[in-house]
Amino acid sequence: MSLSKNQIQQLQRLLRGETIAWSSLNTDMRNTLIGEDLIIIKTNRSRKSIYVPNAEALKMFLEHHFEELRGMDWRSEDFSTAISRSELAANSGNSKTKEIRSCPGFMVNSYDPVYAKLNGKDIVIAPQEGTMLFVADWDQFEIPKEVLVVGIENMENFRRIREQRHLFPTDRPILFVSRYPQSTDLRNWLQNISNDYLHFGDFDLAGMRIFETEFHKFLGSRASFFIPADIETRISNGSTERYNTQYAKFKSYIPKDTRLLPLYNMINHYHRCYDQEGYII
C-alpha cells in the first residue's frame, strides 16, 4: 500500500489528536487501522468521523509497516521527504512499502528480575527504569512455567509498570509484554508456552473484544482479563463519550468468555468506560 501526500497529511492530523472525516482515509487504510483497533469511528446522524485513542500506538504501527514514514517528524508541515520516498517506492515497485518484517518480535519489561533463556543461553530480564527490552528471536525465548505473563495494551502503562506494582500479585514472578509493534509474534509465542496470561487493557467494549479475538480465542482458559477490585467505582466516574462512540460499533457484541460478563454489564449499566492509564500512580 503506497501513501499519497493527502493520506500522509490525514494521518498526521490523527496523530495530532484531531478528528477527521470518514472519507479522508482511503478504504484500504481505514480497514487496516480498524482491524488493528487503532482508530475509533464516531457517528453523528449520517456523518462519520475518525479519531485515534492512542496516538503512540498508531505512530509505532505506521513506522513499522511503512519504511518511508520512519524517522518522520509528524509535527512538521514539511512532507517533502516522506512523499518523495513514497512516490519513488511506488513507481519502482519497491516491496518495502508493503507490510515488512524487518524486525520481528515484541517488547518485554519487568520491575523484578525474571530469569529466562534466549537461544539456549541464560538471560535475566531486568530493564533499568526508563528502558525496556525488545526480544527479536521470540521463537527461541523461554521463561519458567511459574512466571505470570501480563500483556499491557497501552504503551504509557507498559512504560511505567513500576507505578502499577500495587495491582499485581506478589507471590510469583511477572513478565510484562507488549504487542506493539503490531504483529502476531507475541500471540504465537504465547501459544508455544504454557504460562498463564493476564490481559491488561482499557475497560471498555473494544478492550474486551481485543482480548477475546486476539488472545482468549487462541489461548483458552489460561488467558484472563484483568479486572481490578475497584473497577465499578472507576467506571461509574468514567467516560460517557467513549461509551457512546464505541456503542455504534460494538452494540451487538456480547462476550463469549463468561468471566467478562460482570464487567460487560457494569459498562452498559453506567454507559461509561474507563482507560487503563487511570491506574498509574
Protein backbone atom coordinates (compact mmCIF):
# COMPACT_ATOMS: atom_id res chain seq x y z
CA MET A 1 0.00 0.00 0.00
CA SER A 2 1.63 3.27 -1.12
CA LEU A 3 0.83 6.53 0.62
CA SER A 4 -0.21 9.69 -1.18
CA LYS A 5 0.52 13.20 0.08
CA ASN A 6 -3.09 13.55 1.18
CA GLN A 7 -3.03 10.26 3.14
CA ILE A 8 0.14 11.28 4.97
CA GLN A 9 -1.43 14.63 5.84
CA GLN A 10 -4.56 12.95 7.19
CA LEU A 11 -2.51 10.53 9.28
CA GLN A 12 -0.57 13.46 10.69
CA ARG A 13 -3.82 15.13 11.71
CA LEU A 14 -4.90 11.97 13.53
CA LEU A 15 -1.58 11.78 15.35
CA ARG A 16 -2.05 15.38 16.46
CA GLY A 17 -5.29 14.37 18.14
CA GLU A 18 -7.63 15.80 15.51
CA THR A 19 -10.85 14.17 14.32
CA ILE A 20 -11.08 13.71 10.55
CA ALA A 21 -13.87 12.83 8.15
CA TRP A 22 -14.50 9.13 7.41
CA SER A 23 -13.75 9.69 3.72
CA SER A 24 -10.38 11.33 4.43
CA LEU A 25 -8.64 7.95 4.52
CA ASN A 26 -8.88 5.51 1.64
CA THR A 27 -10.69 2.21 2.12
CA ASP A 28 -7.56 0.05 2.45
CA MET A 29 -6.06 2.28 5.13
CA ARG A 30 -9.35 2.54 7.03
CA ASN A 31 -9.86 -1.23 7.01
CA THR A 32 -6.29 -1.85 8.13
CA LEU A 33 -6.48 0.57 11.04
CA ILE A 34 -9.94 -0.65 12.08
CA GLY A 35 -8.71 -4.24 12.00
CA GLU A 36 -5.87 -3.29 14.34
CA ASP A 37 -8.23 -1.34 16.66
CA LEU A 38 -6.12 1.79 16.15
CA ILE A 39 -8.95 4.15 15.21
CA ILE A 40 -12.42 4.77 16.57
CA ILE A 41 -15.42 5.73 14.44
CA LYS A 42 -17.80 8.46 15.59
CA THR A 43 -21.26 8.72 14.05
CA ASN A 44 -23.31 11.92 14.03
CA ARG A 45 -26.53 11.28 12.17
CA SER A 46 -25.42 10.45 8.63
CA ARG A 47 -21.85 11.68 9.10
CA LYS A 48 -18.93 9.51 10.13
CA SER A 49 -15.63 10.71 11.51
CA ILE A 50 -12.45 9.09 12.83
CA TYR A 51 -10.17 9.73 15.78
CA VAL A 52 -7.27 7.92 17.42
CA PRO A 53 -7.45 6.86 21.09
CA ASN A 54 -3.72 6.05 21.27
CA ALA A 55 -1.52 8.20 19.03
CA GLU A 56 1.69 6.50 20.14
CA ALA A 57 0.38 3.07 19.13
CA LEU A 58 -0.65 4.39 15.70
CA LYS A 59 2.73 6.05 15.20
CA MET A 60 4.56 2.82 16.03
CA PHE A 61 2.30 0.82 13.70
CA LEU A 62 2.82 3.21 10.76
CA GLU A 63 6.58 3.40 11.18
CA HIS A 64 6.77 -0.39 11.46
CA HIS A 65 4.80 -1.02 8.27
CA PHE A 66 5.83 1.89 6.05
CA GLU A 67 9.54 2.42 5.56
CA GLU A 68 9.04 5.90 4.11
CA LEU A 69 7.49 7.12 7.38
CA ARG A 70 10.32 6.07 9.67
CA GLY A 71 12.03 8.94 11.38
CA MET A 72 9.45 11.39 10.11
CA ASP A 73 8.68 14.44 12.23
CA TRP A 74 4.91 14.16 12.49
CA ARG A 75 4.63 17.65 13.93
CA SER A 76 6.18 19.24 10.85
CA GLU A 77 4.24 20.58 7.88
CA ASP A 78 7.08 19.56 5.55
CA PHE A 79 6.08 16.27 3.92
CA SER A 80 8.52 16.53 1.02
CA THR A 81 10.92 13.83 2.24
CA ALA A 82 8.28 11.26 3.10
CA ILE A 83 6.24 11.97 -0.02
CA SER A 84 9.18 11.72 -2.40
CA ARG A 85 10.24 8.43 -0.83
CA SER A 86 6.70 7.10 -1.06
CA GLU A 87 6.32 8.09 -4.70
CA LEU A 88 9.73 6.70 -5.59
CA ALA A 89 8.93 3.39 -3.91
CA ALA A 90 5.55 3.16 -5.61
CA ASN A 91 6.99 3.92 -9.03
CA SER A 92 9.85 1.46 -8.65
CA GLY A 93 7.70 -1.33 -7.23
CA ASN A 94 9.76 -1.40 -4.03
CA SER A 95 8.24 -4.13 -1.86
CA LYS A 96 9.36 -2.34 1.29
CA THR A 97 6.35 -0.04 1.01
CA LYS A 98 4.22 -3.06 1.78
CA GLU A 99 3.99 -4.75 5.15
CA ILE A 100 7.50 -5.75 6.17
CA ARG A 101 9.04 -7.88 8.91
CA SER A 102 12.47 -6.33 9.16
CA CYS A 103 12.34 -6.54 12.96
CA PRO A 104 10.12 -9.38 14.23
CA GLY A 105 9.46 -9.79 17.92
CA PHE A 106 7.90 -7.93 20.83
CA MET A 107 8.83 -5.86 23.87
CA VAL A 108 9.17 -7.13 27.43
CA ASN A 109 9.55 -5.36 30.75
CA SER A 110 9.70 -6.19 34.46
CA TYR A 111 10.15 -4.46 37.80
CA ASP A 112 11.73 -7.56 39.40
CA PRO A 113 14.28 -9.81 37.65
CA VAL A 114 12.81 -12.60 35.53
CA TYR A 115 15.19 -15.44 34.67
CA ALA A 116 14.80 -16.76 31.13
CA LYS A 117 16.60 -18.36 28.21
CA LEU A 118 17.26 -16.90 24.77
CA ASN A 119 18.78 -19.07 22.06
CA GLY A 120 19.63 -21.63 24.74
CA LYS A 121 21.55 -19.18 26.94
CA ASP A 122 20.54 -17.88 30.37
CA ILE A 123 19.47 -14.25 30.50
CA VAL A 124 17.92 -12.01 33.14
CA ILE A 125 15.06 -9.70 32.18
CA ALA A 126 15.62 -6.67 34.40
CA PRO A 127 15.47 -3.46 32.32
CA GLN A 128 16.60 -0.32 34.09
CA GLU A 129 13.76 2.06 34.86
CA GLY A 130 13.06 4.16 31.78
CA THR A 131 14.04 1.35 29.40
CA MET A 132 12.52 -1.87 28.06
CA LEU A 133 13.83 -4.93 26.22
CA PHE A 134 12.95 -6.00 22.68
CA VAL A 135 13.02 -9.77 22.05
CA ALA A 136 13.66 -10.35 18.35
CA ASP A 137 14.32 -14.12 18.44
CA TRP A 138 10.97 -14.72 20.10
CA ASP A 139 10.73 -18.34 18.96
CA GLN A 140 13.89 -19.07 20.99
CA PHE A 141 12.71 -17.21 24.08
CA GLU A 142 11.83 -19.38 27.11
CA ILE A 143 10.58 -18.49 30.58
CA PRO A 144 9.89 -20.65 33.69
CA LYS A 145 6.36 -22.05 33.94
CA GLU A 146 5.61 -20.18 37.17
CA VAL A 147 6.05 -16.77 35.53
CA LEU A 148 2.81 -14.86 35.00
CA VAL A 149 2.74 -13.09 31.62
CA VAL A 150 0.88 -9.78 31.74
CA GLY A 151 0.04 -8.20 28.39
CA ILE A 152 -0.37 -4.43 28.51
CA GLU A 153 -2.23 -2.69 25.68
CA ASN A 154 -1.31 0.93 26.36
CA MET A 155 2.30 2.00 25.87
CA GLU A 156 2.15 4.52 28.73
CA ASN A 157 1.14 1.77 31.15
CA PHE A 158 3.77 -0.57 29.74
CA ARG A 159 6.49 2.03 30.14
CA ARG A 160 5.52 2.89 33.71
CA ILE A 161 4.94 -0.58 35.21
CA ARG A 162 6.67 0.31 38.49
CA GLU A 163 3.90 2.81 39.20
CA GLN A 164 1.32 0.00 38.94
CA ARG A 165 3.08 -2.56 41.07
CA HIS A 166 0.26 -2.45 43.63
CA LEU A 167 -2.14 -4.02 41.10
CA PHE A 168 -0.47 -7.38 40.58
CA PRO A 169 0.23 -10.48 42.70
CA THR A 170 3.45 -10.65 44.69
CA ASP A 171 3.67 -14.43 45.06
CA ARG A 172 5.07 -15.14 41.59
CA PRO A 173 7.43 -13.52 39.07
CA ILE A 174 5.76 -11.36 36.41
CA LEU A 175 6.87 -10.64 32.85
CA PHE A 176 5.14 -7.70 31.18
CA VAL A 177 4.76 -7.90 27.39
CA SER A 178 3.52 -5.54 24.69
CA ARG A 179 2.07 -6.44 21.29
CA TYR A 180 3.43 -3.25 19.70
CA PRO A 181 4.79 -3.06 17.08
CA GLN A 182 1.63 -4.72 15.81
CA SER A 183 2.19 -8.32 14.74
CA THR A 184 1.15 -11.84 15.70
CA ASP A 185 4.60 -12.67 17.15
CA LEU A 186 3.51 -12.17 20.76
CA ARG A 187 0.42 -14.31 20.32
CA ASN A 188 2.41 -17.03 18.54
CA TRP A 189 4.90 -17.07 21.40
CA LEU A 190 2.12 -17.31 23.96
CA GLN A 191 0.65 -20.27 22.07
CA ASN A 192 4.01 -22.05 22.29
CA ILE A 193 4.32 -21.74 26.07
CA SER A 194 2.07 -22.99 28.90
CA ASN A 195 2.23 -19.92 31.18
CA ASP A 196 -0.85 -18.12 32.44
CA TYR A 197 -1.63 -14.92 30.55
CA LEU A 198 -3.32 -11.87 32.12
CA HIS A 199 -4.55 -9.17 29.74
CA PHE A 200 -4.49 -5.58 31.00
CA GLY A 201 -6.35 -3.27 28.62
CA ASP A 202 -8.92 -0.49 28.66
CA PHE A 203 -12.14 -1.23 30.50
CA ASP A 204 -14.47 -0.74 27.57
CA LEU A 205 -16.21 -2.80 24.90
CA ALA A 206 -13.28 -2.52 22.49
CA GLY A 207 -10.82 -3.64 25.15
CA MET A 208 -12.81 -6.76 25.96
CA ARG A 209 -13.22 -7.58 22.27
CA ILE A 210 -9.46 -7.25 21.68
CA PHE A 211 -8.84 -9.70 24.50
CA GLU A 212 -11.36 -12.23 23.17
CA THR A 213 -10.41 -12.07 19.48
CA GLU A 214 -6.64 -11.65 19.84
CA PHE A 215 -5.84 -13.76 22.89
CA HIS A 216 -8.60 -15.80 24.55
CA LYS A 217 -9.63 -17.29 21.21
CA PHE A 218 -6.16 -18.80 20.85
CA LEU A 219 -5.08 -19.40 24.47
CA GLY A 220 -8.30 -20.60 26.04
CA SER A 221 -8.91 -20.55 29.79
CA ARG A 222 -5.29 -19.82 30.71
CA ALA A 223 -5.89 -16.31 29.35
CA SER A 224 -7.85 -13.97 31.59
CA PHE A 225 -8.82 -10.31 31.54
CA PHE A 226 -7.52 -8.17 34.40
CA ILE A 227 -10.41 -6.69 36.41
CA PRO A 228 -9.32 -4.62 39.46
CA ALA A 229 -11.36 -4.79 42.66
CA ASP A 230 -12.35 -1.11 42.45
CA ILE A 231 -13.37 -1.11 38.80
CA GLU A 232 -17.06 -0.36 39.42
CA THR A 233 -16.21 2.87 41.25
CA ARG A 234 -13.87 3.85 38.44
CA ILE A 235 -16.33 3.06 35.65
CA SER A 236 -19.15 4.92 37.39
CA ASN A 237 -16.99 8.05 37.03
CA GLY A 238 -15.61 7.15 33.61
CA SER A 239 -16.13 8.45 30.08
CA THR A 240 -19.65 8.61 28.66
CA GLU A 241 -18.32 9.95 25.35
CA ARG A 242 -16.08 6.90 24.86
CA TYR A 243 -19.00 4.57 25.58
CA ASN A 244 -21.31 6.36 23.12
CA THR A 245 -18.63 6.35 20.43
CA GLN A 246 -17.97 2.63 20.77
CA TYR A 247 -21.57 1.56 21.15
CA ALA A 248 -22.37 2.13 17.47
CA LYS A 249 -19.69 -0.40 16.53
CA PHE A 250 -20.00 -2.87 19.41
CA LYS A 251 -23.72 -2.77 20.31
CA SER A 252 -24.17 -6.37 19.11
CA TYR A 253 -21.06 -7.61 20.92
CA ILE A 254 -21.60 -9.98 23.85
CA PRO A 255 -18.55 -11.64 25.48
CA LYS A 256 -18.20 -15.36 24.96
CA ASP A 257 -15.94 -15.62 27.98
CA THR A 258 -18.46 -15.60 30.84
CA ARG A 259 -15.83 -14.19 33.21
CA LEU A 260 -16.22 -10.88 31.33
CA LEU A 261 -19.98 -10.61 31.81
CA PRO A 262 -19.90 -8.72 35.15
CA LEU A 263 -17.61 -6.08 33.59
CA TYR A 264 -19.68 -6.00 30.41
CA ASN A 265 -22.90 -5.48 32.37
CA MET A 266 -21.26 -2.81 34.51
CA ILE A 267 -20.13 -0.82 31.45
CA ASN A 268 -23.60 -1.00 29.90
CA HIS A 269 -25.29 -0.16 33.19
CA TYR A 270 -23.33 3.08 33.72
CA HIS A 271 -22.92 3.82 29.97
CA ARG A 272 -19.30 4.65 30.76
CA CYS A 273 -15.80 3.32 30.07
CA TYR A 274 -12.50 3.68 31.91
CA ASP A 275 -8.96 3.96 30.49
CA GLN A 276 -6.24 1.80 31.99
CA GLU A 277 -3.94 4.84 32.33
CA GLY A 278 -6.03 5.82 35.33
CA TYR A 279 -4.29 3.10 37.33
CA ILE A 280 -0.87 4.71 37.00
CA ILE A 281 0.02 6.21 40.39
